[in-house]
Amino acid sequence: QLAAVGQATIAPAVTCDAMIAHAT
């Protein structure tokens, strides 16, 4: 078994506020 059973883990989307380089 390579993944968790019954629940998919989805990475949260990175928003502009969470970015390190705010210039972009």
mmCIF file of all heavy atoms, coordinates in Angstrom:
data_MODEL
# 
_entry.id   MODEL 
# 
loop_
_atom_site.group_PDB 
_atom_site.id 
_atom_site.type_symbol 
_atom_site.label_atom_id 
_atom_site.label_alt_id 
_atom_site.label_comp_id 
_atom_site.label_asym_id 
_atom_site.label_entity_id 
_atom_site.label_seq_id 
_atom_site.pdbx_PDB_ins_code 
_atom_site.Cartn_x 
_atom_site.Cartn_y 
_atom_site.Cartn_z 
_atom_site.occupancy 
_atom_site.B_iso_or_equiv 
_atom_site.pdbx_formal_charge 
_atom_site.auth_seq_id 
_atom_site.auth_comp_id 
_atom_site.auth_asym_id 
_atom_site.auth_atom_id 
_atom_site.pdbx_PDB_model_num 
ATOM 1   N N   . GLN A 1 1  ? 0.852   -1.187 0.000  1.00 0.00 ? 1  GLN A N   1 
ATOM 2   C CA  . GLN A 1 1  ? 0.000   0.000  0.000  1.00 0.00 ? 1  GLN A CA  1 
ATOM 3   C C   . GLN A 1 1  ? 0.887   1.235  0.000  1.00 0.00 ? 1  GLN A C   1 
ATOM 4   O O   . GLN A 1 1  ? 1.696   1.430  0.904  1.00 0.00 ? 1  GLN A O   1 
ATOM 5   C CB  . GLN A 1 1  ? -0.895  -0.012 1.226  1.00 0.00 ? 1  GLN A CB  1 
ATOM 6   C CG  . GLN A 1 1  ? -1.836  1.148  1.283  1.00 0.00 ? 1  GLN A CG  1 
ATOM 7   C CD  . GLN A 1 1  ? -2.754  1.044  2.490  1.00 0.00 ? 1  GLN A CD  1 
ATOM 8   O OE1 . GLN A 1 1  ? -2.795  0.020  3.149  1.00 0.00 ? 1  GLN A OE1 1 
ATOM 9   N NE2 . GLN A 1 1  ? -3.461  2.105  2.765  1.00 0.00 ? 1  GLN A NE2 1 
ATOM 10  N N   . LEU A 1 2  ? 0.742   2.072  -1.002 1.00 0.00 ? 2  LEU A N   1 
ATOM 11  C CA  . LEU A 1 2  ? 1.599   3.241  -1.149 1.00 0.00 ? 2  LEU A CA  1 
ATOM 12  C C   . LEU A 1 2  ? 0.920   4.535  -0.726 1.00 0.00 ? 2  LEU A C   1 
ATOM 13  O O   . LEU A 1 2  ? 1.574   5.556  -0.596 1.00 0.00 ? 2  LEU A O   1 
ATOM 14  C CB  . LEU A 1 2  ? 2.062   3.365  -2.603 1.00 0.00 ? 2  LEU A CB  1 
ATOM 15  C CG  . LEU A 1 2  ? 2.903   2.204  -3.125 1.00 0.00 ? 2  LEU A CG  1 
ATOM 16  C CD1 . LEU A 1 2  ? 3.236   2.413  -4.586 1.00 0.00 ? 2  LEU A CD1 1 
ATOM 17  C CD2 . LEU A 1 2  ? 4.163   2.045  -2.308 1.00 0.00 ? 2  LEU A CD2 1 
ATOM 18  N N   . ALA A 1 3  ? -0.387  4.534  -0.525 1.00 0.00 ? 3  ALA A N   1 
ATOM 19  C CA  . ALA A 1 3  ? -1.100  5.753  -0.169 1.00 0.00 ? 3  ALA A CA  1 
ATOM 20  C C   . ALA A 1 3  ? -2.035  5.485  0.999  1.00 0.00 ? 3  ALA A C   1 
ATOM 21  O O   . ALA A 1 3  ? -2.317  4.342  1.340  1.00 0.00 ? 3  ALA A O   1 
ATOM 22  C CB  . ALA A 1 3  ? -1.895  6.265  -1.370 1.00 0.00 ? 3  ALA A CB  1 
ATOM 23  N N   . ALA A 1 4  ? -2.525  6.560  1.603  1.00 0.00 ? 4  ALA A N   1 
ATOM 24  C CA  . ALA A 1 4  ? -3.475  6.430  2.703  1.00 0.00 ? 4  ALA A CA  1 
ATOM 25  C C   . ALA A 1 4  ? -4.811  5.921  2.169  1.00 0.00 ? 4  ALA A C   1 
ATOM 26  O O   . ALA A 1 4  ? -5.200  6.208  1.039  1.00 0.00 ? 4  ALA A O   1 
ATOM 27  C CB  . ALA A 1 4  ? -3.660  7.775  3.384  1.00 0.00 ? 4  ALA A CB  1 
ATOM 28  N N   . VAL A 1 5  ? -5.524  5.181  2.991  1.00 0.00 ? 5  VAL A N   1 
ATOM 29  C CA  . VAL A 1 5  ? -6.791  4.588  2.573  1.00 0.00 ? 5  VAL A CA  1 
ATOM 30  C C   . VAL A 1 5  ? -7.924  5.586  2.776  1.00 0.00 ? 5  VAL A C   1 
ATOM 31  O O   . VAL A 1 5  ? -8.085  6.141  3.857  1.00 0.00 ? 5  VAL A O   1 
ATOM 32  C CB  . VAL A 1 5  ? -7.076  3.306  3.386  1.00 0.00 ? 5  VAL A CB  1 
ATOM 33  C CG1 . VAL A 1 5  ? -8.444  2.745  3.044  1.00 0.00 ? 5  VAL A CG1 1 
ATOM 34  C CG2 . VAL A 1 5  ? -5.997  2.296  3.159  1.00 0.00 ? 5  VAL A CG2 1 
ATOM 35  N N   . GLY A 1 6  ? -8.711  5.817  1.722  1.00 0.00 ? 6  GLY A N   1 
ATOM 36  C CA  . GLY A 1 6  ? -9.942  6.582  1.839  1.00 0.00 ? 6  GLY A CA  1 
ATOM 37  C C   . GLY A 1 6  ? -9.800  8.087  1.887  1.00 0.00 ? 6  GLY A C   1 
ATOM 38  O O   . GLY A 1 6  ? -10.795 8.780  1.947  1.00 0.00 ? 6  GLY A O   1 
ATOM 39  N N   . GLN A 1 7  ? -8.634  8.630  1.904  1.00 0.00 ? 7  GLN A N   1 
ATOM 40  C CA  . GLN A 1 7  ? -8.508  10.075 1.995  1.00 0.00 ? 7  GLN A CA  1 
ATOM 41  C C   . GLN A 1 7  ? -7.318  10.542 1.167  1.00 0.00 ? 7  GLN A C   1 
ATOM 42  O O   . GLN A 1 7  ? -6.196  10.099 1.375  1.00 0.00 ? 7  GLN A O   1 
ATOM 43  C CB  . GLN A 1 7  ? -8.317  10.500 3.445  1.00 0.00 ? 7  GLN A CB  1 
ATOM 44  C CG  . GLN A 1 7  ? -8.425  11.986 3.666  1.00 0.00 ? 7  GLN A CG  1 
ATOM 45  C CD  . GLN A 1 7  ? -8.350  12.329 5.143  1.00 0.00 ? 7  GLN A CD  1 
ATOM 46  O OE1 . GLN A 1 7  ? -7.772  11.596 5.924  1.00 0.00 ? 7  GLN A OE1 1 
ATOM 47  N NE2 . GLN A 1 7  ? -8.939  13.439 5.511  1.00 0.00 ? 7  GLN A NE2 1 
ATOM 48  N N   . ALA A 1 8  ? -7.605  11.423 0.242  1.00 0.00 ? 8  ALA A N   1 
ATOM 49  C CA  . ALA A 1 8  ? -6.546  11.972 -0.600 1.00 0.00 ? 8  ALA A CA  1 
ATOM 50  C C   . ALA A 1 8  ? -6.014  13.243 0.039  1.00 0.00 ? 8  ALA A C   1 
ATOM 51  O O   . ALA A 1 8  ? -6.776  14.070 0.536  1.00 0.00 ? 8  ALA A O   1 
ATOM 52  C CB  . ALA A 1 8  ? -7.077  12.273 -1.991 1.00 0.00 ? 8  ALA A CB  1 
ATOM 53  N N   . THR A 1 9  ? -4.725  13.398 0.031  1.00 0.00 ? 9  THR A N   1 
ATOM 54  C CA  . THR A 1 9  ? -4.100  14.596 0.572  1.00 0.00 ? 9  THR A CA  1 
ATOM 55  C C   . THR A 1 9  ? -3.810  15.547 -0.580 1.00 0.00 ? 9  THR A C   1 
ATOM 56  O O   . THR A 1 9  ? -3.063  15.218 -1.490 1.00 0.00 ? 9  THR A O   1 
ATOM 57  C CB  . THR A 1 9  ? -2.788  14.237 1.295  1.00 0.00 ? 9  THR A CB  1 
ATOM 58  O OG1 . THR A 1 9  ? -3.072  13.253 2.267  1.00 0.00 ? 9  THR A OG1 1 
ATOM 59  C CG2 . THR A 1 9  ? -2.190  15.452 1.947  1.00 0.00 ? 9  THR A CG2 1 
ATOM 60  N N   . ILE A 1 10 ? -4.421  16.708 -0.514 1.00 0.00 ? 10 ILE A N   1 
ATOM 61  C CA  . ILE A 1 10 ? -4.254  17.703 -1.579 1.00 0.00 ? 10 ILE A CA  1 
ATOM 62  C C   . ILE A 1 10 ? -3.481  18.875 -0.999 1.00 0.00 ? 10 ILE A C   1 
ATOM 63  O O   . ILE A 1 10 ? -3.845  19.416 0.050  1.00 0.00 ? 10 ILE A O   1 
ATOM 64  C CB  . ILE A 1 10 ? -5.613  18.163 -2.127 1.00 0.00 ? 10 ILE A CB  1 
ATOM 65  C CG1 . ILE A 1 10 ? -6.374  16.968 -2.702 1.00 0.00 ? 10 ILE A CG1 1 
ATOM 66  C CG2 . ILE A 1 10 ? -5.425  19.258 -3.173 1.00 0.00 ? 10 ILE A CG2 1 
ATOM 67  C CD1 . ILE A 1 10 ? -7.792  17.284 -3.110 1.00 0.00 ? 10 ILE A CD1 1 
ATOM 68  N N   . ALA A 1 11 ? -2.442  19.265 -1.671 1.00 0.00 ? 11 ALA A N   1 
ATOM 69  C CA  . ALA A 1 11 ? -1.628  20.395 -1.218 1.00 0.00 ? 11 ALA A CA  1 
ATOM 70  C C   . ALA A 1 11 ? -2.409  21.687 -1.421 1.00 0.00 ? 11 ALA A C   1 
ATOM 71  O O   . ALA A 1 11 ? -3.058  21.878 -2.448 1.00 0.00 ? 11 ALA A O   1 
ATOM 72  C CB  . ALA A 1 11 ? -0.326  20.442 -1.996 1.00 0.00 ? 11 ALA A CB  1 
ATOM 73  N N   . PRO A 1 12 ? -2.377  22.587 -0.444 1.00 0.00 ? 12 PRO A N   1 
ATOM 74  C CA  . PRO A 1 12 ? -3.099  23.856 -0.601 1.00 0.00 ? 12 PRO A CA  1 
ATOM 75  C C   . PRO A 1 12 ? -2.429  24.736 -1.657 1.00 0.00 ? 12 PRO A C   1 
ATOM 76  O O   . PRO A 1 12 ? -1.221  24.690 -1.852 1.00 0.00 ? 12 PRO A O   1 
ATOM 77  C CB  . PRO A 1 12 ? -2.998  24.500 0.789  1.00 0.00 ? 12 PRO A CB  1 
ATOM 78  C CG  . PRO A 1 12 ? -1.791  23.877 1.404  1.00 0.00 ? 12 PRO A CG  1 
ATOM 79  C CD  . PRO A 1 12 ? -1.702  22.488 0.841  1.00 0.00 ? 12 PRO A CD  1 
ATOM 80  N N   . ALA A 1 13 ? -3.251  25.518 -2.315 1.00 0.00 ? 13 ALA A N   1 
ATOM 81  C CA  . ALA A 1 13 ? -2.730  26.415 -3.347 1.00 0.00 ? 13 ALA A CA  1 
ATOM 82  C C   . ALA A 1 13 ? -1.969  27.553 -2.684 1.00 0.00 ? 13 ALA A C   1 
ATOM 83  O O   . ALA A 1 13 ? -2.373  28.083 -1.661 1.00 0.00 ? 13 ALA A O   1 
ATOM 84  C CB  . ALA A 1 13 ? -3.865  26.964 -4.188 1.00 0.00 ? 13 ALA A CB  1 
ATOM 85  N N   . VAL A 1 14 ? -0.859  27.925 -3.273 1.00 0.00 ? 14 VAL A N   1 
ATOM 86  C CA  . VAL A 1 14 ? -0.049  29.022 -2.743 1.00 0.00 ? 14 VAL A CA  1 
ATOM 87  C C   . VAL A 1 14 ? -0.622  30.325 -3.270 1.00 0.00 ? 14 VAL A C   1 
ATOM 88  O O   . VAL A 1 14 ? -0.766  30.508 -4.472 1.00 0.00 ? 14 VAL A O   1 
ATOM 89  C CB  . VAL A 1 14 ? 1.421   28.864 -3.161 1.00 0.00 ? 14 VAL A CB  1 
ATOM 90  C CG1 . VAL A 1 14 ? 2.237   30.041 -2.671 1.00 0.00 ? 14 VAL A CG1 1 
ATOM 91  C CG2 . VAL A 1 14 ? 1.969   27.563 -2.635 1.00 0.00 ? 14 VAL A CG2 1 
ATOM 92  N N   . THR A 1 15 ? -0.966  31.200 -2.354 1.00 0.00 ? 15 THR A N   1 
ATOM 93  C CA  . THR A 1 15 ? -1.505  32.499 -2.757 1.00 0.00 ? 15 THR A CA  1 
ATOM 94  C C   . THR A 1 15 ? -0.393  33.528 -2.782 1.00 0.00 ? 15 THR A C   1 
ATOM 95  O O   . THR A 1 15 ? 0.727   33.269 -2.353 1.00 0.00 ? 15 THR A O   1 
ATOM 96  C CB  . THR A 1 15 ? -2.609  32.950 -1.780 1.00 0.00 ? 15 THR A CB  1 
ATOM 97  O OG1 . THR A 1 15 ? -2.030  33.085 -0.490 1.00 0.00 ? 15 THR A OG1 1 
ATOM 98  C CG2 . THR A 1 15 ? -3.745  31.958 -1.739 1.00 0.00 ? 15 THR A CG2 1 
ATOM 99  N N   . CYS A 1 16 ? -0.740  34.691 -3.213 1.00 0.00 ? 16 CYS A N   1 
ATOM 100 C CA  . CYS A 1 16 ? 0.239   35.768 -3.295 1.00 0.00 ? 16 CYS A CA  1 
ATOM 101 C C   . CYS A 1 16 ? 0.716   36.167 -1.907 1.00 0.00 ? 16 CYS A C   1 
ATOM 102 O O   . CYS A 1 16 ? 1.852   36.557 -1.715 1.00 0.00 ? 16 CYS A O   1 
ATOM 103 C CB  . CYS A 1 16 ? -0.383  36.964 -4.017 1.00 0.00 ? 16 CYS A CB  1 
ATOM 104 S SG  . CYS A 1 16 ? 0.790   38.287 -4.345 1.00 0.00 ? 16 CYS A SG  1 
ATOM 105 N N   . ASP A 1 17 ? -0.157  36.088 -0.896 1.00 0.00 ? 17 ASP A N   1 
ATOM 106 C CA  . ASP A 1 17 ? 0.220   36.467 0.463  1.00 0.00 ? 17 ASP A CA  1 
ATOM 107 C C   . ASP A 1 17 ? 1.250   35.509 1.048  1.00 0.00 ? 17 ASP A C   1 
ATOM 108 O O   . ASP A 1 17 ? 2.054   35.892 1.882  1.00 0.00 ? 17 ASP A O   1 
ATOM 109 C CB  . ASP A 1 17 ? -1.020  36.501 1.362  1.00 0.00 ? 17 ASP A CB  1 
ATOM 110 C CG  . ASP A 1 17 ? -1.992  37.583 0.930  1.00 0.00 ? 17 ASP A CG  1 
ATOM 111 O OD1 . ASP A 1 17 ? -1.542  38.569 0.311  1.00 0.00 ? 17 ASP A OD1 1 
ATOM 112 O OD2 . ASP A 1 17 ? -3.189  37.424 1.200  1.00 0.00 ? 17 ASP A OD2 1 
ATOM 113 N N   . ALA A 1 18 ? 1.199   34.257 0.631  1.00 0.00 ? 18 ALA A N   1 
ATOM 114 C CA  . ALA A 1 18 ? 2.097   33.262 1.190  1.00 0.00 ? 18 ALA A CA  1 
ATOM 115 C C   . ALA A 1 18 ? 3.443   33.221 0.484  1.00 0.00 ? 18 ALA A C   1 
ATOM 116 O O   . ALA A 1 18 ? 4.353   32.548 0.941  1.00 0.00 ? 18 ALA A O   1 
ATOM 117 C CB  . ALA A 1 18 ? 1.447   31.886 1.112  1.00 0.00 ? 18 ALA A CB  1 
ATOM 118 N N   . MET A 1 19 ? 3.564   33.939 -0.600 1.00 0.00 ? 19 MET A N   1 
ATOM 119 C CA  . MET A 1 19 ? 4.816   33.909 -1.353 1.00 0.00 ? 19 MET A CA  1 
ATOM 120 C C   . MET A 1 19 ? 5.881   34.724 -0.645 1.00 0.00 ? 19 MET A C   1 
ATOM 121 O O   . MET A 1 19 ? 5.595   35.708 0.024  1.00 0.00 ? 19 MET A O   1 
ATOM 122 C CB  . MET A 1 19 ? 4.601   34.428 -2.775 1.00 0.00 ? 19 MET A CB  1 
ATOM 123 C CG  . MET A 1 19 ? 3.689   33.542 -3.594 1.00 0.00 ? 19 MET A CG  1 
ATOM 124 S SD  . MET A 1 19 ? 3.346   34.217 -5.215 1.00 0.00 ? 19 MET A SD  1 
ATOM 125 C CE  . MET A 1 19 ? 4.941   34.176 -5.947 1.00 0.00 ? 19 MET A CE  1 
ATOM 126 N N   . ILE A 1 20 ? 7.110   34.314 -0.806 1.00 0.00 ? 20 ILE A N   1 
ATOM 127 C CA  . ILE A 1 20 ? 8.223   35.032 -0.179 1.00 0.00 ? 20 ILE A CA  1 
ATOM 128 C C   . ILE A 1 20 ? 8.550   36.293 -0.966 1.00 0.00 ? 20 ILE A C   1 
ATOM 129 O O   . ILE A 1 20 ? 8.727   37.367 -0.388 1.00 0.00 ? 20 ILE A O   1 
ATOM 130 C CB  . ILE A 1 20 ? 9.452   34.111 -0.078 1.00 0.00 ? 20 ILE A CB  1 
ATOM 131 C CG1 . ILE A 1 20 ? 9.135   32.951 0.849  1.00 0.00 ? 20 ILE A CG1 1 
ATOM 132 C CG2 . ILE A 1 20 ? 10.657  34.877 0.420  1.00 0.00 ? 20 ILE A CG2 1 
ATOM 133 C CD1 . ILE A 1 20 ? 10.201  31.885 0.881  1.00 0.00 ? 20 ILE A CD1 1 
ATOM 134 N N   . ALA A 1 21 ? 8.607   36.199 -2.273 1.00 0.00 ? 21 ALA A N   1 
ATOM 135 C CA  . ALA A 1 21 ? 8.951   37.353 -3.110 1.00 0.00 ? 21 ALA A CA  1 
ATOM 136 C C   . ALA A 1 21 ? 7.656   38.072 -3.479 1.00 0.00 ? 21 ALA A C   1 
ATOM 137 O O   . ALA A 1 21 ? 6.961   37.691 -4.408 1.00 0.00 ? 21 ALA A O   1 
ATOM 138 C CB  . ALA A 1 21 ? 9.689   36.902 -4.345 1.00 0.00 ? 21 ALA A CB  1 
ATOM 139 N N   . HIS A 1 22 ? 7.304   39.116 -2.739 1.00 0.00 ? 22 HIS A N   1 
ATOM 140 C CA  . HIS A 1 22 ? 6.075   39.836 -2.994 1.00 0.00 ? 22 HIS A CA  1 
ATOM 141 C C   . HIS A 1 22 ? 6.159   40.733 -4.227 1.00 0.00 ? 22 HIS A C   1 
ATOM 142 O O   . HIS A 1 22 ? 5.157   41.290 -4.656 1.00 0.00 ? 22 HIS A O   1 
ATOM 143 C CB  . HIS A 1 22 ? 5.689   40.677 -1.778 1.00 0.00 ? 22 HIS A CB  1 
ATOM 144 C CG  . HIS A 1 22 ? 5.269   39.851 -0.610 1.00 0.00 ? 22 HIS A CG  1 
ATOM 145 N ND1 . HIS A 1 22 ? 4.079   39.160 -0.577 1.00 0.00 ? 22 HIS A ND1 1 
ATOM 146 C CD2 . HIS A 1 22 ? 5.888   39.559 0.568  1.00 0.00 ? 22 HIS A CD2 1 
ATOM 147 C CE1 . HIS A 1 22 ? 3.982   38.504 0.565  1.00 0.00 ? 22 HIS A CE1 1 
ATOM 148 N NE2 . HIS A 1 22 ? 5.072   38.730 1.272  1.00 0.00 ? 22 HIS A NE2 1 
ATOM 149 N N   . ALA A 1 23 ? 7.344   40.849 -4.790 1.00 0.00 ? 23 ALA A N   1 
ATOM 150 C CA  . ALA A 1 23 ? 7.500   41.712 -5.972 1.00 0.00 ? 23 ALA A CA  1 
ATOM 151 C C   . ALA A 1 23 ? 6.792   41.129 -7.170 1.00 0.00 ? 23 ALA A C   1 
ATOM 152 O O   . ALA A 1 23 ? 6.419   41.858 -8.079 1.00 0.00 ? 23 ALA A O   1 
ATOM 153 C CB  . ALA A 1 23 ? 8.983   41.884 -6.270 1.00 0.00 ? 23 ALA A CB  1 
ATOM 154 N N   . THR A 1 24 ? 6.557   39.810 -7.190 1.00 0.00 ? 24 THR A N   1 
ATOM 155 C CA  . THR A 1 24 ? 5.902   39.212 -8.338 1.00 0.00 ? 24 THR A CA  1 
ATOM 156 C C   . THR A 1 24 ? 4.387   39.261 -8.226 1.00 0.00 ? 24 THR A C   1 
ATOM 157 O O   . THR A 1 24 ? 3.680   38.931 -9.155 1.00 0.00 ? 24 THR A O   1 
ATOM 158 C CB  . THR A 1 24 ? 6.336   37.746 -8.491 1.00 0.00 ? 24 THR A CB  1 
ATOM 159 O OG1 . THR A 1 24 ? 5.989   37.046 -7.288 1.00 0.00 ? 24 THR A OG1 1 
ATOM 160 C CG2 . THR A 1 24 ? 7.811   37.635 -8.742 1.00 0.00 ? 24 THR A CG2 1 
# 
